[in-house]
Protein backbone atom coordinates (compact mmCIF):
# COMPACT_ATOMS: atom_id res chain seq x y z
CA UNK A 1 57.20 -77.13 -38.08
CA UNK A 2 55.42 -73.79 -38.11
CA UNK A 3 53.30 -74.80 -40.97
CA UNK A 4 52.21 -78.11 -38.97
CA UNK A 5 51.40 -75.81 -36.01
CA UNK A 6 49.36 -73.48 -38.15
CA UNK A 7 46.51 -75.78 -38.72
CA UNK A 8 46.44 -76.58 -34.99
CA UNK A 9 46.16 -72.88 -34.26
CA UNK A 10 43.42 -72.27 -36.68
CA UNK A 11 41.67 -75.31 -35.08
CA UNK A 12 42.19 -73.89 -31.64
CA UNK A 13 41.06 -70.57 -32.91
CA UNK A 14 37.87 -71.74 -34.24
CA UNK A 15 37.44 -73.94 -31.28
CA UNK A 16 37.85 -71.06 -29.02
CA UNK A 17 35.60 -68.87 -30.90
CA UNK A 18 32.88 -71.64 -31.27
CA UNK A 19 33.12 -72.19 -27.58
CA UNK A 20 33.59 -68.69 -26.37
CA UNK A 21 30.80 -67.28 -28.28
CA UNK A 22 28.18 -69.62 -26.79
CA UNK A 23 29.70 -68.90 -23.39
CA UNK A 24 29.27 -65.20 -23.91
CA UNK A 25 25.77 -65.64 -25.23
CA UNK A 26 24.91 -67.65 -22.16
CA UNK A 27 26.27 -65.08 -19.89
CA UNK A 28 24.44 -62.44 -21.93
CA UNK A 29 21.21 -64.57 -21.36
CA UNK A 30 21.87 -64.87 -17.68
CA UNK A 31 22.42 -61.16 -17.48
CA UNK A 32 19.17 -60.39 -19.44
CA UNK A 33 17.26 -62.83 -17.11
CA UNK A 34 18.62 -61.15 -14.05
CA UNK A 35 17.88 -57.72 -15.56
CA UNK A 36 14.28 -58.57 -16.45
CA UNK A 37 13.75 -60.24 -13.15
CA UNK A 38 14.82 -57.31 -11.15
CA UNK A 39 13.17 -54.81 -13.45
CA UNK A 40 9.97 -56.67 -13.85
CA UNK A 41 9.89 -57.62 -10.09
CA UNK A 42 6.66 -58.03 -8.15
CA UNK A 43 6.96 -54.47 -6.76
CA UNK A 44 7.04 -52.81 -10.30
CA UNK A 45 4.14 -55.00 -11.58
CA UNK A 46 2.06 -54.02 -8.40
CA UNK A 47 2.75 -50.37 -8.96
CA UNK A 48 1.66 -50.62 -12.52
CA UNK A 49 -1.60 -52.26 -11.36
CA UNK A 50 -2.08 -49.67 -8.68
CA UNK A 51 -1.65 -46.83 -11.28
CA UNK A 52 -4.07 -48.36 -13.70
CA UNK A 53 -6.67 -49.21 -11.08
CA UNK A 54 -6.34 -45.63 -9.41
CA UNK A 55 -6.77 -43.94 -12.77
CA UNK A 56 -9.85 -46.13 -13.85
CA UNK A 57 -11.30 -45.57 -10.33
CA UNK A 58 -10.86 -41.73 -10.78
CA UNK A 59 -12.78 -41.98 -14.14
CA UNK A 60 -15.60 -44.01 -12.56
CA UNK A 61 -15.74 -41.58 -9.67
CA UNK A 62 -15.85 -38.60 -12.13
CA UNK A 63 -18.79 -40.24 -13.92
CA UNK A 64 -20.72 -40.70 -10.74
CA UNK A 65 -19.96 -37.22 -9.56
CA UNK A 66 -21.13 -35.68 -12.82
CA UNK A 67 -24.42 -37.67 -12.85
CA UNK A 68 -24.97 -36.91 -9.26
CA UNK A 69 -24.32 -33.07 -9.91
CA UNK A 70 -26.85 -33.42 -12.63
CA UNK A 71 -29.59 -34.82 -10.39
CA UNK A 72 -28.84 -32.23 -7.65
CA UNK A 73 -29.00 -29.48 -10.14
CA UNK A 74 -32.44 -30.67 -11.32
CA UNK A 75 -33.93 -30.89 -7.84
CA UNK A 76 -32.39 -27.53 -6.85
CA UNK A 77 -33.77 -25.63 -9.77
CA UNK A 78 -37.29 -27.35 -9.82
CA UNK A 79 -40.02 -27.51 -7.18
CA UNK A 80 -42.20 -30.49 -6.40
CA UNK A 81 -45.33 -29.07 -8.04
CA UNK A 82 -43.57 -28.75 -11.32
CA UNK A 83 -41.81 -32.15 -11.48
CA UNK A 84 -44.91 -34.06 -10.05
CA UNK A 85 -46.38 -33.50 -13.60
CA UNK A 86 -45.21 -35.95 -16.11
CA UNK A 87 -44.90 -33.71 -19.04
CA UNK A 88 -42.55 -31.24 -17.04
CA UNK A 89 -40.47 -34.28 -15.91
CA UNK A 90 -40.27 -35.58 -19.34
CA UNK A 91 -38.97 -32.28 -20.59
CA UNK A 92 -36.17 -32.34 -18.00
CA UNK A 93 -35.44 -36.00 -18.84
CA UNK A 94 -35.10 -35.31 -22.53
CA UNK A 95 -32.75 -32.40 -21.78
CA UNK A 96 -30.38 -34.52 -19.63
CA UNK A 97 -30.66 -37.41 -22.19
CA UNK A 98 -29.25 -34.97 -24.99
CA UNK A 99 -26.13 -34.65 -22.97
CA UNK A 100 -25.55 -38.34 -22.03
CA UNK A 101 -27.62 -41.62 -22.52
CA UNK A 102 -26.34 -42.75 -19.10
CA UNK A 103 -29.91 -42.25 -17.45
CA UNK A 104 -32.53 -44.89 -18.09
CA UNK A 105 -35.39 -43.07 -16.39
CA UNK A 106 -36.33 -40.40 -14.07
CA UNK A 107 -38.98 -40.25 -11.13
CA UNK A 108 -40.33 -37.92 -8.45
CA UNK A 109 -41.58 -39.16 -4.94
CA UNK A 110 -43.49 -37.58 -2.28
CA UNK A 111 -42.69 -37.50 1.37
CA UNK A 112 -44.50 -40.86 1.85
CA UNK A 113 -42.40 -42.69 -0.84
CA UNK A 114 -45.22 -42.55 -3.51
CA UNK A 115 -44.04 -42.47 -7.05
CA UNK A 116 -45.99 -39.59 -8.29
CA UNK A 117 -44.40 -38.90 -11.70
CA UNK A 118 -42.17 -41.09 -13.87
CA UNK A 119 -40.46 -41.05 -17.27
CA UNK A 120 -39.00 -44.41 -18.49
CA UNK A 121 -39.75 -47.74 -19.86
CA UNK A 122 -41.41 -49.24 -16.81
CA UNK A 123 -44.85 -48.89 -15.32
CA UNK A 124 -43.80 -47.38 -11.86
CA UNK A 125 -46.35 -44.65 -11.17
CA UNK A 126 -48.24 -45.25 -7.95
CA UNK A 127 -45.70 -47.59 -6.50
CA UNK A 128 -44.70 -46.93 -2.97
CA UNK A 129 -41.12 -47.15 -1.84
CA UNK A 130 -41.41 -46.24 1.84
CA UNK A 131 -39.82 -49.44 3.00
CA UNK A 132 -37.16 -49.67 0.37
CA UNK A 133 -33.61 -49.40 1.57
CA UNK A 134 -32.65 -46.63 -0.76
CA UNK A 135 -35.55 -44.68 0.26
CA UNK A 136 -34.76 -44.83 3.84
CA UNK A 137 -31.10 -43.85 3.15
CA UNK A 138 -31.94 -40.91 1.18
CA UNK A 139 -34.56 -39.76 3.77
CA UNK A 140 -31.71 -39.83 6.37
CA UNK A 141 -28.67 -38.53 4.34
CA UNK A 142 -30.38 -36.24 1.71
CA UNK A 143 -28.44 -38.03 -1.07
CA UNK A 144 -27.55 -41.68 -1.89
CA UNK A 145 -26.17 -43.83 -4.52
CA UNK A 146 -27.48 -47.28 -3.95
CA UNK A 147 -26.06 -50.94 -4.58
CA UNK A 148 -27.49 -52.80 -7.46
CA UNK A 149 -30.81 -54.31 -6.56
CA UNK A 150 -34.05 -55.74 -8.51
CA UNK A 151 -36.90 -53.48 -7.06
CA UNK A 152 -40.35 -53.57 -8.73
CA UNK A 153 -39.02 -53.81 -12.22
CA UNK A 154 -37.17 -57.17 -11.28
CA UNK A 155 -33.99 -56.44 -13.11
CA UNK A 156 -30.63 -55.42 -11.63
CA UNK A 157 -29.98 -51.82 -11.48
CA UNK A 158 -28.81 -49.11 -9.25
CA UNK A 159 -30.03 -45.58 -8.58
CA UNK A 160 -29.00 -42.14 -7.72
CA UNK A 161 -31.48 -40.34 -5.35
CA UNK A 162 -31.68 -36.81 -3.89
CA UNK A 163 -33.97 -35.17 -1.26
CA UNK A 164 -35.40 -31.49 -1.16
CA UNK A 165 -37.39 -29.89 1.57
CA UNK A 166 -40.02 -27.37 0.57
CA UNK A 167 -41.78 -25.56 3.55
CA UNK A 168 -40.98 -28.42 5.70
CA UNK A 169 -42.30 -31.07 3.31
CA UNK A 170 -39.52 -33.31 1.85
CA UNK A 171 -39.76 -34.76 -1.67
CA UNK A 172 -37.32 -36.85 -3.64
CA UNK A 173 -35.87 -37.26 -7.05
CA UNK A 174 -34.56 -40.55 -8.31
CA UNK A 175 -32.61 -41.43 -11.46
CA UNK A 176 -31.64 -44.84 -12.78
CA UNK A 177 -28.22 -45.39 -14.29
CA UNK A 178 -28.23 -47.61 -17.48
CA UNK A 179 -26.58 -50.90 -16.35
CA UNK A 180 -24.99 -51.54 -19.76
CA UNK A 181 -23.68 -48.13 -20.15
CA UNK A 182 -21.99 -48.42 -16.67
CA UNK A 183 -20.86 -51.87 -17.28
CA UNK A 184 -19.04 -50.84 -20.41
CA UNK A 185 -17.47 -47.90 -18.52
CA UNK A 186 -16.22 -50.24 -15.73
CA UNK A 187 -14.97 -53.17 -18.02
CA UNK A 188 -13.44 -50.76 -20.55
CA UNK A 189 -10.10 -51.62 -19.43
CA UNK A 190 -7.53 -54.11 -20.89
CA UNK A 191 -4.29 -55.15 -19.16
CA UNK A 192 -2.40 -57.57 -21.22
CA UNK A 193 -4.47 -60.59 -22.46
CA UNK A 194 -6.32 -61.53 -19.35
CA UNK A 195 -6.75 -58.44 -17.21
CA UNK A 196 -9.98 -57.01 -16.63
CA UNK A 197 -11.95 -55.00 -14.07
CA UNK A 198 -15.26 -55.27 -12.15
CA UNK A 199 -16.74 -53.60 -9.06
CA UNK A 200 -18.10 -55.12 -5.85
CA UNK A 201 -19.90 -53.76 -2.88
CA UNK A 202 -18.96 -54.21 0.91
CA UNK A 203 -20.55 -57.78 0.80
CA UNK A 204 -18.61 -58.76 -2.38
CA UNK A 205 -21.61 -58.54 -4.65
CA UNK A 206 -21.00 -57.66 -8.30
CA UNK A 207 -22.32 -54.12 -9.21
CA UNK A 208 -22.34 -54.23 -12.87
CA UNK A 209 -23.53 -56.64 -15.65
CA UNK A 210 -21.42 -59.63 -16.49
CA UNK A 211 -19.46 -59.43 -19.79
CA UNK A 212 -21.11 -61.47 -22.65
CA UNK A 213 -18.09 -63.86 -22.64
CA UNK A 214 -18.61 -64.62 -18.81
CA UNK A 215 -14.84 -64.21 -18.27
CA UNK A 216 -14.95 -62.08 -15.16
CA UNK A 217 -14.68 -65.33 -12.99
CA UNK A 218 -15.55 -63.51 -9.68
CA UNK A 219 -13.74 -65.59 -6.83
CA UNK A 220 -15.78 -66.96 -3.98
CA UNK A 221 -13.28 -65.83 -1.29
CA UNK A 222 -13.23 -62.01 -1.44
CA UNK A 223 -12.05 -61.13 2.20
CA UNK A 224 -8.86 -59.54 0.69
CA UNK A 225 -11.03 -57.40 -1.68
CA UNK A 226 -12.86 -55.64 1.09
CA UNK A 227 -11.47 -52.18 1.54
CA UNK A 228 -12.68 -49.28 3.47
CA UNK A 229 -13.20 -45.83 2.14
CA UNK A 230 -10.16 -44.36 4.00
CA UNK A 231 -7.72 -47.02 2.78
CA UNK A 232 -5.53 -46.97 -0.37
CA UNK A 233 -5.18 -49.44 -3.03
CA UNK A 234 -4.11 -52.99 -1.95
CA UNK A 235 -2.44 -55.73 -4.06
CA UNK A 236 -2.19 -59.36 -3.42
CA UNK A 237 -2.04 -62.78 -5.12
CA UNK A 238 -4.81 -65.42 -5.02
CA UNK A 239 -5.64 -68.52 -6.73
CA UNK A 240 -8.83 -68.38 -8.94
CA UNK A 241 -11.65 -70.86 -9.46
CA UNK A 242 -9.69 -72.54 -12.32
CA UNK A 243 -6.65 -73.17 -10.16
CA UNK A 244 -4.71 -70.43 -12.07
CA UNK A 245 -3.03 -67.74 -9.87
CA UNK A 246 -4.17 -64.17 -10.20
CA UNK A 247 -2.82 -60.74 -9.30
CA UNK A 248 -5.46 -58.43 -7.69
CA UNK A 249 -5.56 -54.80 -7.18
CA UNK A 250 -8.38 -53.41 -5.08
CA UNK A 251 -9.07 -49.86 -4.83
CA UNK A 252 -12.12 -48.09 -2.89
CA UNK A 253 -14.25 -45.50 -4.69
CA UNK A 254 -14.53 -42.07 -3.20
CA UNK A 255 -17.97 -41.31 -4.33
CA UNK A 256 -19.74 -44.56 -3.02
CA UNK A 257 -18.94 -47.51 -0.74
CA UNK A 258 -17.82 -49.74 -3.62
CA UNK A 259 -14.41 -51.40 -4.53
CA UNK A 260 -12.92 -51.49 -7.97
CA UNK A 261 -11.19 -54.69 -8.44
CA UNK A 262 -8.37 -55.14 -11.42
CA UNK A 263 -7.51 -58.79 -11.86
CA UNK A 264 -4.94 -60.46 -14.07
CA UNK A 265 -3.31 -63.82 -14.41
CA UNK A 266 -0.04 -63.84 -12.86
CA UNK A 267 1.60 -65.55 -15.93
CA UNK A 268 0.39 -62.74 -18.00
CA UNK A 269 1.26 -59.95 -15.54
CA UNK A 270 5.05 -61.31 -15.58
CA UNK A 271 4.94 -61.84 -19.08
CA UNK A 272 8.21 -59.70 -19.74
CA UNK A 273 10.25 -61.89 -17.37
CA UNK A 274 8.81 -65.05 -19.05
CA UNK A 275 9.66 -63.43 -22.43
CA UNK A 276 13.28 -63.00 -21.26
CA UNK A 277 13.50 -66.78 -20.47
CA UNK A 278 11.80 -67.59 -23.71
CA UNK A 279 14.24 -65.26 -25.67
CA UNK A 280 17.25 -66.86 -23.91
CA UNK A 281 16.09 -70.25 -24.86
CA UNK A 282 15.48 -69.23 -28.49
CA UNK A 283 19.02 -67.65 -28.65
CA UNK A 284 20.54 -71.10 -27.54
CA UNK A 285 18.74 -73.31 -29.80
CA UNK A 286 17.83 -70.96 -32.61
CA UNK A 287 20.54 -72.56 -34.79
CA UNK A 288 19.00 -75.99 -34.68
CA UNK A 289 15.38 -75.04 -34.43
CA UNK A 290 15.55 -72.49 -37.33
CA UNK A 291 15.93 -75.18 -39.98
CA UNK A 292 13.09 -77.25 -38.34
CA UNK A 293 10.67 -74.42 -37.80
CA UNK A 294 11.38 -72.95 -41.37
CA UNK A 295 10.85 -76.48 -42.87
CA UNK A 296 7.71 -77.12 -40.81
CA UNK A 297 6.26 -73.76 -41.79
CA UNK A 298 7.37 -74.47 -45.56
CA UNK A 299 5.66 -77.94 -45.31
CA UNK A 300 2.59 -76.68 -43.66
CA UNK A 301 2.16 -74.04 -46.14
CA UNK A 302 2.67 -76.55 -49.06
CA UNK A 303 0.21 -78.97 -47.47
CA UNK A 304 -2.29 -76.11 -46.91
CA UNK A 305 -1.88 -75.14 -50.49
CA UNK A 306 -2.21 -78.56 -51.80
CA UNK A 307 -5.43 -79.12 -49.70
CA UNK A 308 -6.92 -75.79 -51.15
CA UNK A 309 -6.00 -76.94 -54.70
CA UNK A 310 -7.49 -80.44 -54.15
CA UNK A 311 -10.70 -78.87 -52.73
CA UNK A 312 -10.82 -76.43 -55.90
CA UNK A 313 -10.24 -79.26 -58.30
CA UNK A 314 -12.81 -81.36 -56.71
CA UNK A 315 -15.38 -78.40 -56.70
CA UNK A 316 -14.50 -77.80 -60.29
CA UNK A 317 -14.86 -81.28 -61.38
CA UNK A 318 -18.49 -81.46 -59.51
CA UNK A 319 -19.40 -78.21 -61.29
CA UNK A 320 -18.31 -79.71 -64.71
CA UNK A 321 -20.34 -82.73 -64.12
CA UNK A 322 -23.30 -80.55 -63.22
CA UNK A 323 -22.90 -78.24 -66.15
CA UNK A 324 -22.60 -81.09 -68.48
CA UNK A 325 -25.69 -82.91 -67.35
CA UNK A 326 -27.53 -79.48 -67.09
CA UNK A 327 -26.58 -78.82 -70.63
CA UNK A 328 -27.90 -82.14 -71.65
CA UNK A 329 -31.10 -81.81 -69.80
CA UNK A 330 -31.37 -78.18 -71.29
CA UNK A 331 -31.19 -79.50 -74.84
CA UNK A 332 -34.02 -82.14 -74.09
CA UNK A 333 -35.97 -79.41 -72.42
CA UNK A 334 -35.64 -76.94 -75.29
CA UNK A 335 -37.07 -79.66 -77.68
CA UNK A 336 -40.03 -80.37 -75.37
CA UNK A 337 -40.79 -76.78 -74.73
CA UNK A 338 -40.97 -75.97 -78.43
CA UNK A 339 -43.06 -78.93 -79.19
CA UNK A 340 -45.52 -78.13 -76.55
CA UNK A 341 -45.51 -74.44 -77.47
CA UNK A 342 -46.78 -75.24 -80.95
CA UNK A 343 -50.24 -76.71 -79.94
CA UNK A 344 -50.48 -74.11 -77.11
CA UNK A 345 -50.27 -71.42 -79.63
CA UNK A 346 -53.14 -73.04 -81.83
CA UNK A 347 -55.27 -73.51 -78.69
CA UNK A 348 -54.68 -69.93 -77.70
CA UNK A 349 -55.67 -68.72 -81.27
CA UNK A 350 -58.70 -70.99 -81.43
CA UNK A 351 -59.83 -69.85 -78.02
CA UNK A 352 -59.62 -66.20 -79.03
CA UNK A 353 -61.77 -66.96 -82.19
CA UNK A 354 -64.31 -68.84 -79.89
CA UNK A 355 -64.39 -65.86 -77.64
CA UNK A 356 -65.28 -63.46 -80.35
CA UNK A 357 -67.78 -65.86 -81.74
CA UNK A 358 -69.36 -66.02 -78.34
CA UNK A 359 -69.47 -62.28 -77.98
CA UNK A 360 -71.19 -62.09 -81.31
CA UNK A 361 -73.83 -64.73 -80.42
CA UNK A 362 -74.38 -62.95 -77.05
CA UNK A 363 -75.33 -59.73 -78.84
CA UNK A 364 -78.25 -61.40 -80.73
CA UNK A 365 -79.22 -63.90 -78.15
CA UNK A 366 -82.13 -63.98 -75.96
CA UNK A 367 -82.15 -63.77 -72.20
CA UNK A 368 -83.03 -67.46 -71.99
CA UNK A 369 -79.75 -68.63 -73.24
CA UNK A 370 -77.58 -66.08 -71.39
CA UNK A 371 -76.71 -68.54 -68.48
CA UNK A 372 -75.39 -71.05 -70.97
CA UNK A 373 -73.37 -68.38 -72.70
CA UNK A 374 -71.96 -67.35 -69.20
CA UNK A 375 -71.01 -71.07 -68.62
CA UNK A 376 -69.27 -71.22 -71.80
CA UNK A 377 -67.45 -67.79 -71.22
CA UNK A 378 -66.25 -69.32 -67.81
CA UNK A 379 -65.03 -72.43 -69.54
CA UNK A 380 -63.10 -70.29 -72.18
CA UNK A 381 -61.69 -68.29 -69.34
CA UNK A 382 -60.36 -71.43 -67.47
CA UNK A 383 -58.81 -72.60 -70.82
CA UNK A 384 -57.04 -69.29 -71.23
CA UNK A 385 -55.76 -69.54 -67.59
CA UNK A 386 -54.46 -73.22 -68.19
CA UNK A 387 -52.77 -72.21 -71.55
CA UNK A 388 -51.05 -69.47 -69.74
CA UNK A 389 -49.98 -71.53 -67.00
CA UNK A 390 -48.67 -74.09 -69.65
CA UNK A 391 -46.99 -71.36 -71.38
CA UNK A 392 -45.17 -70.40 -68.18
CA UNK A 393 -44.17 -73.90 -67.69
CA UNK A 394 -42.59 -74.23 -71.05
CA UNK A 395 -40.95 -70.71 -70.68
CA UNK A 396 -39.47 -72.24 -67.31
CA UNK A 397 -37.86 -75.13 -69.37
CA UNK A 398 -36.63 -72.68 -71.85
CA UNK A 399 -35.11 -70.56 -69.11
CA UNK A 400 -33.55 -73.67 -67.52
CA UNK A 401 -32.10 -74.43 -71.00
CA UNK A 402 -31.08 -70.69 -71.05
CA UNK A 403 -32.68 -70.19 -74.42
CA UNK A 404 -35.29 -67.44 -73.43
CA UNK A 405 -35.09 -64.10 -71.98
CA UNK A 406 -36.38 -63.59 -68.44
CA UNK A 407 -39.49 -61.57 -67.75
CA UNK A 408 -37.65 -58.93 -65.69
CA UNK A 409 -39.66 -56.43 -63.60
CA UNK A 410 -39.45 -54.61 -60.45
CA UNK A 411 -41.10 -56.13 -57.44
CA UNK A 412 -40.82 -56.36 -53.56
CA UNK A 413 -39.36 -59.58 -52.08
CA UNK A 414 -41.09 -58.61 -48.90
CA UNK A 415 -44.44 -59.12 -50.54
CA UNK A 416 -43.94 -62.12 -52.58
CA UNK A 417 -42.39 -64.38 -50.02
CA UNK A 418 -45.55 -64.55 -47.81
CA UNK A 419 -47.59 -64.97 -50.95
CA UNK A 420 -45.50 -67.96 -51.77
CA UNK A 421 -45.51 -69.31 -48.44
CA UNK A 422 -49.23 -69.10 -48.35
CA UNK A 423 -49.34 -71.64 -51.27
CA UNK A 424 -47.86 -74.30 -48.99
CA UNK A 425 -49.11 -73.19 -45.62
CA UNK A 426 -52.16 -75.57 -45.74
CA UNK A 427 -49.93 -78.42 -46.62
CA UNK A 428 -47.40 -77.69 -44.02
CA UNK A 429 -50.18 -77.15 -41.31
CA UNK A 430 -51.49 -80.71 -42.27
CA UNK A 431 -48.12 -82.19 -41.67
CA UNK A 432 -47.64 -80.09 -38.29
CA UNK A 433 -44.77 -78.01 -39.73
CA UNK A 434 -44.15 -74.52 -38.56
CA UNK A 435 -42.85 -72.08 -41.09
CA UNK A 436 -40.98 -68.91 -39.75
CA UNK A 437 -40.36 -65.80 -41.86
CA UNK A 438 -37.28 -63.64 -41.12
CA UNK A 439 -37.42 -61.05 -43.64
CA UNK A 440 -35.38 -57.86 -43.30
CA UNK A 441 -37.49 -54.76 -43.13
CA UNK A 442 -37.20 -52.09 -45.80
CA UNK A 443 -35.57 -54.44 -48.48
CA UNK A 444 -34.96 -52.64 -51.65
CA UNK A 445 -37.13 -53.40 -54.78
CA UNK A 446 -35.43 -56.19 -56.99
CA UNK A 447 -35.46 -56.13 -60.81
CA UNK A 448 -35.72 -59.87 -61.64
CA UNK A 449 -38.24 -62.44 -62.91
CA UNK A 450 -40.82 -62.91 -59.99
CA UNK A 451 -42.44 -65.88 -61.64
CA UNK A 452 -39.13 -67.88 -61.78
CA UNK A 453 -38.15 -66.69 -58.28
CA UNK A 454 -41.49 -68.04 -57.15
CA UNK A 455 -40.74 -71.37 -58.68
CA UNK A 456 -37.58 -71.50 -57.11
CA UNK A 457 -38.90 -70.77 -53.56
CA UNK A 458 -41.74 -73.10 -54.05
CA UNK A 459 -39.50 -75.88 -54.99
CA UNK A 460 -37.27 -75.57 -51.98
CA UNK A 461 -40.32 -75.28 -49.61
CA UNK A 462 -41.81 -78.55 -51.17
CA UNK A 463 -38.43 -80.20 -50.76
CA UNK A 464 -38.28 -79.13 -47.17
CA UNK A 465 -41.94 -80.25 -46.28
CA UNK A 466 -40.88 -83.78 -48.02
CA UNK A 467 -37.61 -83.85 -45.92
CA UNK A 468 -39.59 -83.15 -42.61
CA UNK A 469 -41.77 -86.25 -42.89
CA UNK A 470 -41.49 -88.56 -39.73
CA UNK A 471 -39.38 -85.96 -38.02
CA UNK A 472 -39.97 -85.22 -34.25
CA UNK A 473 -39.30 -81.44 -34.67
CA UNK A 474 -40.53 -79.96 -37.94
CA UNK A 475 -39.55 -76.42 -38.77
CA UNK A 476 -38.85 -74.31 -41.84
CA UNK A 477 -37.21 -70.89 -41.75
CA UNK A 478 -37.17 -68.53 -44.84
CA UNK A 479 -34.75 -65.71 -44.32
CA UNK A 480 -34.18 -62.69 -46.72
CA UNK A 481 -31.54 -60.02 -46.07
CA UNK A 482 -29.50 -57.48 -48.02
CA UNK A 483 -25.83 -57.87 -48.15
CA UNK A 484 -24.01 -55.14 -50.22
CA UNK A 485 -25.58 -55.06 -53.65
CA UNK A 486 -27.01 -58.57 -53.39
CA UNK A 487 -30.15 -60.10 -51.63
CA UNK A 488 -29.44 -63.41 -49.74
CA UNK A 489 -32.40 -65.79 -49.51
CA UNK A 490 -31.95 -68.73 -47.02
CA UNK A 491 -34.41 -71.70 -46.79
CA UNK A 492 -33.30 -73.96 -43.59
CA UNK A 493 -35.27 -77.06 -42.35
CA UNK A 494 -34.78 -79.45 -39.63
CA UNK A 495 -35.34 -82.41 -41.95
CA UNK A 496 -33.51 -85.51 -42.75
CA UNK A 497 -30.53 -83.80 -44.44
CA UNK A 498 -28.10 -84.98 -47.04
CA UNK A 499 -25.34 -87.54 -46.68
CA UNK A 500 -21.79 -86.26 -47.67
CA UNK A 501 -21.77 -88.15 -50.90
CA UNK A 502 -25.28 -86.99 -51.75
CA UNK A 503 -24.40 -83.24 -51.38
CA UNK A 504 -21.92 -83.57 -54.29
CA UNK A 505 -24.60 -84.79 -56.62
CA UNK A 506 -27.72 -82.65 -55.19
CA UNK A 507 -27.91 -80.38 -58.30
CA UNK A 508 -27.19 -83.20 -60.77
CA UNK A 509 -30.06 -83.54 -63.04
CA UNK A 510 -32.14 -87.01 -62.44
CA UNK A 511 -30.57 -87.50 -59.03
CA UNK A 512 -32.93 -87.99 -56.19
CA UNK A 513 -32.87 -89.10 -52.65
CA UNK A 514 -36.58 -90.04 -52.79
CA UNK A 515 -37.90 -93.61 -53.20
CA UNK A 516 -38.45 -94.74 -56.81
CA UNK A 517 -41.46 -93.50 -58.38
CA UNK A 518 -41.69 -90.49 -55.96
CA UNK A 519 -39.19 -88.02 -57.46
CA UNK A 520 -37.82 -87.11 -60.99
CA UNK A 521 -34.63 -85.46 -59.76
CA UNK A 522 -35.14 -82.51 -61.71
CA UNK A 523 -36.34 -80.15 -58.94
CA UNK A 524 -32.94 -78.99 -57.44
CA UNK A 525 -31.34 -78.90 -60.82
CA UNK A 526 -33.95 -76.86 -62.21
CA UNK A 527 -33.72 -74.50 -59.26
CA UNK A 528 -29.97 -74.27 -59.69
CA UNK A 529 -30.46 -73.45 -63.49
CA UNK A 530 -32.90 -70.69 -62.62
CA UNK A 531 -30.75 -69.15 -60.17
CA UNK A 532 -27.69 -69.17 -62.41
CA UNK A 533 -29.79 -67.78 -65.31
CA UNK A 534 -30.76 -64.93 -63.04
CA UNK A 535 -27.09 -64.10 -62.56
CA UNK A 536 -27.06 -65.50 -58.86
CA UNK A 537 -25.38 -68.39 -57.08
CA UNK A 538 -26.56 -71.21 -54.81
CA UNK A 539 -25.06 -73.08 -52.06
CA UNK A 540 -26.08 -76.17 -50.00
CA UNK A 541 -25.01 -76.82 -46.38
CA UNK A 542 -26.38 -80.05 -44.74
CA UNK A 543 -25.69 -82.52 -41.94
CA UNK A 544 -27.34 -85.88 -42.18
CA UNK A 545 -30.22 -86.34 -39.74
CA UNK A 546 -29.84 -82.63 -38.54
CA UNK A 547 -31.32 -80.50 -41.47
CA UNK A 548 -30.46 -78.80 -44.67
CA UNK A 549 -29.72 -75.03 -45.59
CA UNK A 550 -30.14 -73.66 -49.10
CA UNK A 551 -28.43 -70.22 -49.50
CA UNK A 552 -29.37 -68.22 -52.73
CA UNK A 553 -27.46 -65.09 -53.53
CA UNK A 554 -29.12 -62.77 -56.21
CA UNK A 555 -28.33 -59.40 -57.45
CA UNK A 556 -30.68 -56.51 -56.78
CA UNK A 557 -30.79 -55.98 -60.55
CA UNK A 558 -30.70 -59.30 -62.52
CA UNK A 559 -31.70 -57.59 -65.81
CA UNK A 560 -28.46 -55.56 -65.71
CA UNK A 561 -26.41 -58.39 -64.61
CA UNK A 562 -28.02 -60.54 -67.47
CA UNK A 563 -27.05 -57.88 -69.97
CA UNK A 564 -23.35 -57.84 -68.65
CA UNK A 565 -22.95 -61.69 -69.07
CA UNK A 566 -24.11 -61.31 -72.64
């Protein structure tokens, strides 16, 4: 009987444990929820906001006090005659700039509000400020920190101004605070993921520049934010313009009649409480969800790896096809180049002999036949030029086939790009195409083959000009910049672009998007071969009917790179 009851006891024991443990865990979860709810109650969250806002307010007050003290020190230790001279004012301004870049400018004014001397980026000397609000205020109080306003410069800014009496004649000194500097000081606060700070005046107008991400979201209803200088910090909840609920903390500044506002999404502010609830749910369902989550993560990782492997395989297959066809064209190019080089060398030799013979004839010829000899010399010179040009073309074919050494020399990319663009500038102008150059200043000298690089850029420009036919907006941008030890050259156009299936074959020899008879399909493949031969890389990014971007990355020293490859 005991043996029969034993399995039941075990079963009951397991049942009790399997039931009691979840119950205990549930109780612990409830206890954790109660604990976190009481601990992270609204009062605690508000107190934390008040402390953060007050500390940040004190920092901003300290900044304004320091800058005010600096201005008071300047006006106290200098007289009007001294600071009315721009040179003296400039010396004072340079001295305070050494300590801090917070001041944008500095100016002196006479008793009638005339701007007698000024140091700064604007043309303000001779302007009269007699009717300006800040001038009236400083005239009455002796010192004034203004709200943000436009003024003569038509840009938002605020100023600190001070007054000094000399023999019964008042004069004034004014400094403008850098808006970006002050904005970074105000917004340099992070509370959770969504908390941020801003300053408003008594009318609820923002007193610093908006952040670049435009995430301040100043509410239209700001009655609750209006504090008075004697009040302490106030906290309250309010709905934002996006419908989300926010926790606000508003604290007045002591130095000026402004209010610092710290704002955070309620969901973010009470995140610890929500975390307690989340942890509770996770503890309850972790047994079942762990396998699902793990399987999902593993499946996602495997799918991601397969996707990457497939993309790499596809890219490798495309590169193998390109490499195979480039090799075939390279062999053909080698044969053509050698066949053309032989008669070129003979023409070059015969030209040299003719040149020597002509020089000998010229020594003994009369003045009557000198014009004819000059014509013959010009003809020979043109023959030499064209032979050299043909030689460069055959050398380019050999380079494409990687059967010849590059003519590496040191040159400036800043100089040759404008020269290359000038070759197609007239053609572009006829087609109403604008070519913009964005060349980084002080690019280091390159060691590469300038002739081949000219061929690359010229080919890409001609392709872009062709792609811009019948386009409404015609623009080509040529950009050159240094990245690490490489130079990145980008040619971008707003032309017809490539289709997705065309991009895979763009560098394949004999492939062309041009109509029959208008393209050989060797342009981009030749460019690709030259770039690879110079130790670089080439990428194509394009959207059909939107434009194309060719990005070429070349080492600063192609000769050294070429040696290392060997």
